[in-house]
C-alpha cells in the first residue's frame, strides 16, 4: 500500500510555538525579544491573519485588507502571553482568537451600518452571526475530518489486523478524503465501489459493514472530544 503524503502547515510549526514561549520569557531582554518576534512570530501571524480574512470575508468592516490584517496581528501580538502549551497548540488557540475577533468586529460594523442606514435598504432577514457561525462550523468539521482521515491512515495496522479489513478501511478513507469531489453519496453505489476497490467478493460485503462501524466509533469518540474543547484542539 502506497504511503499517503500528509498535509503540512508550512507557516506555523512547532518552532512558532517555541518562539512564542521564548518571546514571553524575554521581557527583560527587549532586543532579543524583538528579534524573536520579527523572525519567527510576525510572519506566522501575518499569514494566519491573511488566510482567515480571506476565508471569512468580513464584508461589513470598513477597512482595507492590509489595515484589517495589521489590526488583527496587533490584537494577536497583545495576546501572545496567553499561550499555554498545556491547553493545546498555538495555531489552534490563535485561530480561534482570530475568528472571535473578526466575528465581533464584523458584527460591530454591521450594527453600526444598520443604525446609520435609514436611507439604505438593508435586508433585515439576514442573520449575519448565523452565517458566520455556520461558515466557521463547516471549517471546524473540515479540519476535524482531515485530521481524522490522517489518524486512521497512519494507524490502519493497529486498528485492524485482518488484511481484508485493512484494504476496506483504506478504500473507505480514500472516499472520505475525496468527499468534496463525490457528487453522488448513494449508499449502495459506494458499497459497490468500496467492495471493488478492496477486491472483495459479493459474499464478503459484511466486512465493509464491520469496518464502517469501527471507523464510525473512532469518528464519534473523536468528535465528542473535539466538542469538549469548544472546537479548539483536534483530538488526533
C-alpha atoms as a PDB file:
ATOM      1  CA  UNK A   1       0.000   0.000   0.000  1.00  0.00           C
ATOM      2  CA  UNK A   2       1.459   3.327  -1.067  1.00  0.00           C
ATOM      3  CA  UNK A   3       2.259   5.761   1.728  1.00  0.00           C
ATOM      4  CA  UNK A   4      -0.039   8.729   1.641  1.00  0.00           C
ATOM      5  CA  UNK A   5       1.522  12.177   1.618  1.00  0.00           C
ATOM      6  CA  UNK A   6       0.408  14.084   4.689  1.00  0.00           C
ATOM      7  CA  UNK A   7      -0.647  17.691   4.505  1.00  0.00           C
ATOM      8  CA  UNK A   8       1.547  20.159   6.322  1.00  0.00           C
ATOM      9  CA  UNK A   9       1.233  23.626   7.729  1.00  0.00           C
ATOM     10  CA  UNK A  10       4.217  25.425   6.267  1.00  0.00           C
ATOM     11  CA  UNK A  11       3.913  28.748   8.063  1.00  0.00           C
ATOM     12  CA  UNK A  12       3.009  27.737  11.621  1.00  0.00           C
ATOM     13  CA  UNK A  13       5.080  24.927  13.087  1.00  0.00           C
ATOM     14  CA  UNK A  14       6.265  23.749  16.488  1.00  0.00           C
ATOM     15  CA  UNK A  15       9.092  26.273  16.142  1.00  0.00           C
ATOM     16  CA  UNK A  16       6.494  29.052  16.139  1.00  0.00           C
ATOM     17  CA  UNK A  17       5.109  27.858  19.465  1.00  0.00           C
ATOM     18  CA  UNK A  18       8.607  27.588  20.928  1.00  0.00           C
ATOM     19  CA  UNK A  19       9.363  31.113  19.702  1.00  0.00           C
ATOM     20  CA  UNK A  20       6.249  32.496  21.395  1.00  0.00           C
ATOM     21  CA  UNK A  21       7.238  30.877  24.683  1.00  0.00           C
ATOM     22  CA  UNK A  22      10.768  32.300  24.332  1.00  0.00           C
ATOM     23  CA  UNK A  23       9.301  35.712  23.484  1.00  0.00           C
ATOM     24  CA  UNK A  24       7.194  35.627  26.643  1.00  0.00           C
ATOM     25  CA  UNK A  25      10.240  34.784  28.761  1.00  0.00           C
ATOM     26  CA  UNK A  26      12.373  37.585  27.293  1.00  0.00           C
ATOM     27  CA  UNK A  27      10.560  40.585  28.752  1.00  0.00           C
ATOM     28  CA  UNK A  28      13.766  41.891  30.320  1.00  0.00           C
ATOM     29  CA  UNK A  29      15.741  41.443  27.091  1.00  0.00           C
ATOM     30  CA  UNK A  30      13.892  43.684  24.602  1.00  0.00           C
ATOM     31  CA  UNK A  31      16.443  43.391  21.775  1.00  0.00           C
ATOM     32  CA  UNK A  32      16.347  39.586  21.822  1.00  0.00           C
ATOM     33  CA  UNK A  33      12.584  39.693  22.199  1.00  0.00           C
ATOM     34  CA  UNK A  34      12.176  41.842  19.108  1.00  0.00           C
ATOM     35  CA  UNK A  35      14.459  39.574  17.079  1.00  0.00           C
ATOM     36  CA  UNK A  36      12.434  36.507  18.074  1.00  0.00           C
ATOM     37  CA  UNK A  37       9.211  38.272  17.181  1.00  0.00           C
ATOM     38  CA  UNK A  38      10.339  39.577  13.789  1.00  0.00           C
ATOM     39  CA  UNK A  39      11.989  36.345  12.662  1.00  0.00           C
ATOM     40  CA  UNK A  40       9.667  33.617  13.939  1.00  0.00           C
ATOM     41  CA  UNK A  41       6.346  35.055  15.118  1.00  0.00           C
ATOM     42  CA  UNK A  42       5.377  38.046  12.972  1.00  0.00           C
ATOM     43  CA  UNK A  43       5.472  36.164   9.623  1.00  0.00           C
ATOM     44  CA  UNK A  44       3.279  33.383  11.048  1.00  0.00           C
ATOM     45  CA  UNK A  45       0.765  35.870  12.458  1.00  0.00           C
ATOM     46  CA  UNK A  46       0.618  37.763   9.162  1.00  0.00           C
ATOM     47  CA  UNK A  47      -0.040  34.576   7.203  1.00  0.00           C
ATOM     48  CA  UNK A  48      -2.643  33.373   9.695  1.00  0.00           C
ATOM     49  CA  UNK A  49      -4.439  36.722   9.519  1.00  0.00           C
ATOM     50  CA  UNK A  50      -4.287  36.712   5.714  1.00  0.00           C
ATOM     51  CA  UNK A  51      -5.755  33.216   5.453  1.00  0.00           C
ATOM     52  CA  UNK A  52      -8.571  33.792   7.932  1.00  0.00           C
ATOM     53  CA  UNK A  53      -9.606  37.142   6.468  1.00  0.00           C
ATOM     54  CA  UNK A  54      -9.710  35.592   3.008  1.00  0.00           C
ATOM     55  CA  UNK A  55     -11.701  32.639   4.320  1.00  0.00           C
ATOM     56  CA  UNK A  56     -14.202  34.629   6.369  1.00  0.00           C
ATOM     57  CA  UNK A  57     -14.526  37.689   4.101  1.00  0.00           C
ATOM     58  CA  UNK A  58     -15.856  40.113   6.782  1.00  0.00           C
ATOM     59  CA  UNK A  59     -17.637  42.396   4.312  1.00  0.00           C
ATOM     60  CA  UNK A  60     -19.076  44.834   6.850  1.00  0.00           C
ATOM     61  CA  UNK A  61     -15.732  46.003   8.240  1.00  0.00           C
ATOM     62  CA  UNK A  62     -14.953  49.344   6.632  1.00  0.00           C
ATOM     63  CA  UNK A  63     -11.217  48.849   6.263  1.00  0.00           C
ATOM     64  CA  UNK A  64      -8.674  47.896   3.634  1.00  0.00           C
ATOM     65  CA  UNK A  65      -7.385  44.339   3.674  1.00  0.00           C
ATOM     66  CA  UNK A  66      -3.940  45.495   4.771  1.00  0.00           C
ATOM     67  CA  UNK A  67      -5.310  47.604   7.633  1.00  0.00           C
ATOM     68  CA  UNK A  68      -7.531  44.802   8.882  1.00  0.00           C
ATOM     69  CA  UNK A  69      -4.638  42.345   8.672  1.00  0.00           C
ATOM     70  CA  UNK A  70      -2.445  44.747  10.671  1.00  0.00           C
ATOM     71  CA  UNK A  71      -5.184  45.290  13.265  1.00  0.00           C
ATOM     72  CA  UNK A  72      -5.636  41.532  13.698  1.00  0.00           C
ATOM     73  CA  UNK A  73      -1.895  40.896  14.009  1.00  0.00           C
ATOM     74  CA  UNK A  74      -1.655  43.684  16.604  1.00  0.00           C
ATOM     75  CA  UNK A  75      -4.548  42.121  18.520  1.00  0.00           C
ATOM     76  CA  UNK A  76      -2.874  38.693  18.464  1.00  0.00           C
ATOM     77  CA  UNK A  77       0.505  40.130  19.460  1.00  0.00           C
ATOM     78  CA  UNK A  78      -1.079  41.624  22.566  1.00  0.00           C
ATOM     79  CA  UNK A  79      -2.240  38.114  23.462  1.00  0.00           C
ATOM     80  CA  UNK A  80       0.986  36.187  22.905  1.00  0.00           C
ATOM     81  CA  UNK A  81       1.329  35.862  26.670  1.00  0.00           C
ATOM     82  CA  UNK A  82      -1.939  33.896  26.746  1.00  0.00           C
ATOM     83  CA  UNK A  83      -0.401  30.811  25.109  1.00  0.00           C
ATOM     84  CA  UNK A  84      -0.362  27.826  27.451  1.00  0.00           C
ATOM     85  CA  UNK A  85       1.139  24.696  25.830  1.00  0.00           C
ATOM     86  CA  UNK A  86      -0.741  22.526  28.313  1.00  0.00           C
ATOM     87  CA  UNK A  87      -4.022  23.647  26.757  1.00  0.00           C
ATOM     88  CA  UNK A  88      -3.074  22.887  23.165  1.00  0.00           C
ATOM     89  CA  UNK A  89      -1.074  24.220  20.249  1.00  0.00           C
ATOM     90  CA  UNK A  90      -0.673  27.885  19.463  1.00  0.00           C
ATOM     91  CA  UNK A  91      -2.123  27.527  15.976  1.00  0.00           C
ATOM     92  CA  UNK A  92      -5.460  26.300  17.343  1.00  0.00           C
ATOM     93  CA  UNK A  93      -5.615  28.967  20.052  1.00  0.00           C
ATOM     94  CA  UNK A  94      -4.754  31.900  17.808  1.00  0.00           C
ATOM     95  CA  UNK A  95      -7.007  30.669  15.016  1.00  0.00           C
ATOM     96  CA  UNK A  96      -9.917  30.623  17.452  1.00  0.00           C
ATOM     97  CA  UNK A  97      -8.894  34.022  18.862  1.00  0.00           C
ATOM     98  CA  UNK A  98      -8.722  35.461  15.339  1.00  0.00           C
ATOM     99  CA  UNK A  99     -12.147  34.087  14.425  1.00  0.00           C
ATOM    100  CA  UNK A 100     -13.681  35.633  17.538  1.00  0.00           C
ATOM    101  CA  UNK A 101     -12.037  38.980  16.813  1.00  0.00           C
ATOM    102  CA  UNK A 102     -13.228  39.045  13.200  1.00  0.00           C
ATOM    103  CA  UNK A 103     -16.737  37.965  14.170  1.00  0.00           C
ATOM    104  CA  UNK A 104     -17.013  40.676  16.812  1.00  0.00           C
ATOM    105  CA  UNK A 105     -15.583  43.383  14.561  1.00  0.00           C
ATOM    106  CA  UNK A 106     -17.783  42.363  11.651  1.00  0.00           C
ATOM    107  CA  UNK A 107     -20.874  42.280  13.839  1.00  0.00           C
ATOM    108  CA  UNK A 108     -19.987  45.666  15.379  1.00  0.00           C
ATOM    109  CA  UNK A 109     -19.553  47.149  11.905  1.00  0.00           C
ATOM    110  CA  UNK A 110     -22.840  45.601  10.769  1.00  0.00           C
ATOM    111  CA  UNK A 111     -24.752  47.069  13.716  1.00  0.00           C
ATOM    112  CA  UNK A 112     -23.152  50.464  13.117  1.00  0.00           C
ATOM    113  CA  UNK A 113     -24.090  50.316   9.440  1.00  0.00           C
ATOM    114  CA  UNK A 114     -27.619  49.247  10.278  1.00  0.00           C
ATOM    115  CA  UNK A 115     -28.200  52.065  12.761  1.00  0.00           C
ATOM    116  CA  UNK A 116     -26.846  54.706  10.374  1.00  0.00           C
ATOM    117  CA  UNK A 117     -28.542  53.445   7.235  1.00  0.00           C
ATOM    118  CA  UNK A 118     -32.039  54.917   7.418  1.00  0.00           C
ATOM    119  CA  UNK A 119     -31.997  55.613   3.698  1.00  0.00           C
ATOM    120  CA  UNK A 120     -30.333  52.324   2.749  1.00  0.00           C
ATOM    121  CA  UNK A 121     -32.240  49.149   2.123  1.00  0.00           C
ATOM    122  CA  UNK A 122     -30.732  46.563   4.482  1.00  0.00           C
ATOM    123  CA  UNK A 123     -32.047  43.009   4.363  1.00  0.00           C
ATOM    124  CA  UNK A 124     -33.471  42.571   7.877  1.00  0.00           C
ATOM    125  CA  UNK A 125     -33.942  38.846   7.379  1.00  0.00           C
ATOM    126  CA  UNK A 126     -30.240  38.190   7.038  1.00  0.00           C
ATOM    127  CA  UNK A 127     -28.682  36.785  10.212  1.00  0.00           C
ATOM    128  CA  UNK A 128     -25.009  37.656   9.804  1.00  0.00           C
ATOM    129  CA  UNK A 129     -23.981  35.938  13.038  1.00  0.00           C
ATOM    130  CA  UNK A 130     -25.689  32.722  11.993  1.00  0.00           C
ATOM    131  CA  UNK A 131     -23.979  32.864   8.607  1.00  0.00           C
ATOM    132  CA  UNK A 132     -20.568  33.381  10.197  1.00  0.00           C
ATOM    133  CA  UNK A 133     -21.218  30.629  12.732  1.00  0.00           C
ATOM    134  CA  UNK A 134     -22.249  28.190  10.006  1.00  0.00           C
ATOM    135  CA  UNK A 135     -19.162  29.004   7.949  1.00  0.00           C
ATOM    136  CA  UNK A 136     -16.923  28.594  10.986  1.00  0.00           C
ATOM    137  CA  UNK A 137     -18.606  25.302  11.912  1.00  0.00           C
ATOM    138  CA  UNK A 138     -18.087  23.963   8.395  1.00  0.00           C
ATOM    139  CA  UNK A 139     -14.400  24.845   8.656  1.00  0.00           C
ATOM    140  CA  UNK A 140     -14.166  23.105  12.039  1.00  0.00           C
ATOM    141  CA  UNK A 141     -15.733  19.940  10.661  1.00  0.00           C
ATOM    142  CA  UNK A 142     -13.482  20.039   7.597  1.00  0.00           C
ATOM    143  CA  UNK A 143     -10.367  20.393   9.788  1.00  0.00           C
ATOM    144  CA  UNK A 144     -11.595  17.582  12.047  1.00  0.00           C
ATOM    145  CA  UNK A 145     -12.312  15.295   9.086  1.00  0.00           C
ATOM    146  CA  UNK A 146      -8.850  15.869   7.617  1.00  0.00           C
ATOM    147  CA  UNK A 147      -7.215  15.068  10.970  1.00  0.00           C
ATOM    148  CA  UNK A 148      -9.463  12.017  11.409  1.00  0.00           C
ATOM    149  CA  UNK A 149      -8.521  10.624   7.995  1.00  0.00           C
ATOM    150  CA  UNK A 150      -4.819  11.243   8.678  1.00  0.00           C
ATOM    151  CA  UNK A 151      -5.061   9.445  12.037  1.00  0.00           C
ATOM    152  CA  UNK A 152      -6.860   6.425  10.583  1.00  0.00           C
ATOM    153  CA  UNK A 153      -4.440   6.149   7.671  1.00  0.00           C
ATOM    154  CA  UNK A 154      -1.448   6.228   9.995  1.00  0.00           C
ATOM    155  CA  UNK A 155      -2.922   3.632  12.367  1.00  0.00           C
ATOM    156  CA  UNK A 156      -4.585   1.184   9.961  1.00  0.00           C
ATOM    157  CA  UNK A 157      -2.357  -1.699  11.023  1.00  0.00           C
ATOM    158  CA  UNK A 158      -3.177  -1.053  14.687  1.00  0.00           C
ATOM    159  CA  UNK A 159      -6.921  -0.540  14.262  1.00  0.00           C
ATOM    160  CA  UNK A 160      -7.352  -3.585  12.003  1.00  0.00           C
ATOM    161  CA  UNK A 161      -5.410  -6.842  11.936  1.00  0.00           C
ATOM    162  CA  UNK A 162      -7.126  -8.605   9.041  1.00  0.00           C
ATOM    163  CA  UNK A 163      -5.764  -7.781   5.581  1.00  0.00           C
ATOM    164  CA  UNK A 164      -9.247  -7.606   4.038  1.00  0.00           C
ATOM    165  CA  UNK A 165     -10.357  -5.157   6.718  1.00  0.00           C
ATOM    166  CA  UNK A 166      -7.256  -3.017   6.133  1.00  0.00           C
ATOM    167  CA  UNK A 167      -7.971  -2.874   2.381  1.00  0.00           C
ATOM    168  CA  UNK A 168     -11.613  -1.987   3.024  1.00  0.00           C
ATOM    169  CA  UNK A 169     -10.657   0.725   5.534  1.00  0.00           C
ATOM    170  CA  UNK A 170      -8.133   2.150   3.056  1.00  0.00           C
ATOM    171  CA  UNK A 171     -10.864   2.308   0.391  1.00  0.00           C
ATOM    172  CA  UNK A 172     -13.347   3.975   2.749  1.00  0.00           C
ATOM    173  CA  UNK A 173     -10.767   6.548   3.854  1.00  0.00           C
ATOM    174  CA  UNK A 174      -9.967   7.236   0.215  1.00  0.00           C
ATOM    175  CA  UNK A 175     -13.586   8.214  -0.388  1.00  0.00           C
ATOM    176  CA  UNK A 176     -13.611  10.284   2.812  1.00  0.00           C
ATOM    177  CA  UNK A 177     -10.537  12.094   1.556  1.00  0.00           C
ATOM    178  CA  UNK A 178     -12.107  12.703  -1.865  1.00  0.00           C
ATOM    179  CA  UNK A 179     -15.505  13.623  -0.385  1.00  0.00           C
ATOM    180  CA  UNK A 180     -15.513  17.084  -1.935  1.00  0.00           C
ATOM    181  CA  UNK A 181     -15.277  15.520  -5.413  1.00  0.00           C
ATOM    182  CA  UNK A 182     -18.031  12.926  -4.894  1.00  0.00           C
ATOM    183  CA  UNK A 183     -21.325  14.132  -6.342  1.00  0.00           C
ATOM    184  CA  UNK A 184     -23.448  11.081  -5.519  1.00  0.00           C
ATOM    185  CA  UNK A 185     -23.390   9.739  -1.961  1.00  0.00           C
ATOM    186  CA  UNK A 186     -25.736   6.836  -2.771  1.00  0.00           C
ATOM    187  CA  UNK A 187     -25.023   4.215  -0.103  1.00  0.00           C
ATOM    188  CA  UNK A 188     -25.394   1.183  -2.357  1.00  0.00           C
ATOM    189  CA  UNK A 189     -23.187   2.693  -5.050  1.00  0.00           C
ATOM    190  CA  UNK A 190     -20.455   3.499  -2.522  1.00  0.00           C
ATOM    191  CA  UNK A 191     -20.629  -0.043  -1.111  1.00  0.00           C
ATOM    192  CA  UNK A 192     -20.060  -1.429  -4.600  1.00  0.00           C
ATOM    193  CA  UNK A 193     -17.140   0.948  -5.231  1.00  0.00           C
ATOM    194  CA  UNK A 194     -15.560   0.079  -1.891  1.00  0.00           C
ATOM    195  CA  UNK A 195     -16.020  -3.648  -2.483  1.00  0.00           C
ATOM    196  CA  UNK A 196     -14.452  -3.450  -5.941  1.00  0.00           C
ATOM    197  CA  UNK A 197     -11.576  -1.238  -4.793  1.00  0.00           C
ATOM    198  CA  UNK A 198     -10.819  -3.597  -1.884  1.00  0.00           C
ATOM    199  CA  UNK A 199     -11.023  -6.679  -4.119  1.00  0.00           C
ATOM    200  CA  UNK A 200     -13.811  -8.385  -2.161  1.00  0.00           C
ATOM    201  CA  UNK A 201     -16.339 -10.946  -3.309  1.00  0.00           C
ATOM    202  CA  UNK A 202     -20.051 -10.148  -3.067  1.00  0.00           C
ATOM    203  CA  UNK A 203     -20.311 -12.595  -0.159  1.00  0.00           C
ATOM    204  CA  UNK A 204     -17.752 -10.546   1.804  1.00  0.00           C
ATOM    205  CA  UNK A 205     -19.815  -7.345   1.925  1.00  0.00           C
ATOM    206  CA  UNK A 206     -20.316  -7.801   5.671  1.00  0.00           C
ATOM    207  CA  UNK A 207     -16.639  -6.897   6.118  1.00  0.00           C
ATOM    208  CA  UNK A 208     -17.451  -3.404   4.857  1.00  0.00           C
ATOM    209  CA  UNK A 209     -20.200  -3.035   7.468  1.00  0.00           C
ATOM    210  CA  UNK A 210     -17.859  -4.198  10.233  1.00  0.00           C
ATOM    211  CA  UNK A 211     -15.107  -1.773   9.213  1.00  0.00           C
ATOM    212  CA  UNK A 212     -17.579   1.098   8.861  1.00  0.00           C
ATOM    213  CA  UNK A 213     -18.782   0.538  12.437  1.00  0.00           C
ATOM    214  CA  UNK A 214     -15.206   0.665  13.741  1.00  0.00           C
ATOM    215  CA  UNK A 215     -14.381   3.835  11.802  1.00  0.00           C
ATOM    216  CA  UNK A 216     -17.682   5.387  12.901  1.00  0.00           C
ATOM    217  CA  UNK A 217     -16.868   4.724  16.560  1.00  0.00           C
ATOM    218  CA  UNK A 218     -13.453   6.409  16.196  1.00  0.00           C
ATOM    219  CA  UNK A 219     -15.090   9.371  14.470  1.00  0.00           C
ATOM    220  CA  UNK A 220     -17.811   9.786  17.104  1.00  0.00           C
ATOM    221  CA  UNK A 221     -15.404   9.454  20.037  1.00  0.00           C
ATOM    222  CA  UNK A 222     -13.013  11.945  18.465  1.00  0.00           C
ATOM    223  CA  UNK A 223     -15.744  14.452  17.626  1.00  0.00           C
ATOM    224  CA  UNK A 224     -17.155  14.316  21.157  1.00  0.00           C
ATOM    225  CA  UNK A 225     -13.665  15.097  22.485  1.00  0.00           C
ATOM    226  CA  UNK A 226     -13.345  17.894  19.901  1.00  0.00           C
ATOM    227  CA  UNK A 227     -16.619  19.428  21.129  1.00  0.00           C
ATOM    228  CA  UNK A 228     -15.471  19.425  24.758  1.00  0.00           C
ATOM    229  CA  UNK A 229     -12.628  21.788  23.771  1.00  0.00           C
ATOM    230  CA  UNK A 230     -15.087  24.152  22.066  1.00  0.00           C
ATOM    231  CA  UNK A 231     -13.603  23.038  18.736  1.00  0.00           C
ATOM    232  CA  UNK A 232     -10.153  24.469  19.511  1.00  0.00           C
ATOM    233  CA  UNK A 233      -7.997  21.321  19.886  1.00  0.00           C
ATOM    234  CA  UNK A 234      -8.123  18.459  17.421  1.00  0.00           C
ATOM    235  CA  UNK A 235      -8.146  15.097  19.240  1.00  0.00           C
ATOM    236  CA  UNK A 236      -5.891  13.278  16.784  1.00  0.00           C
END
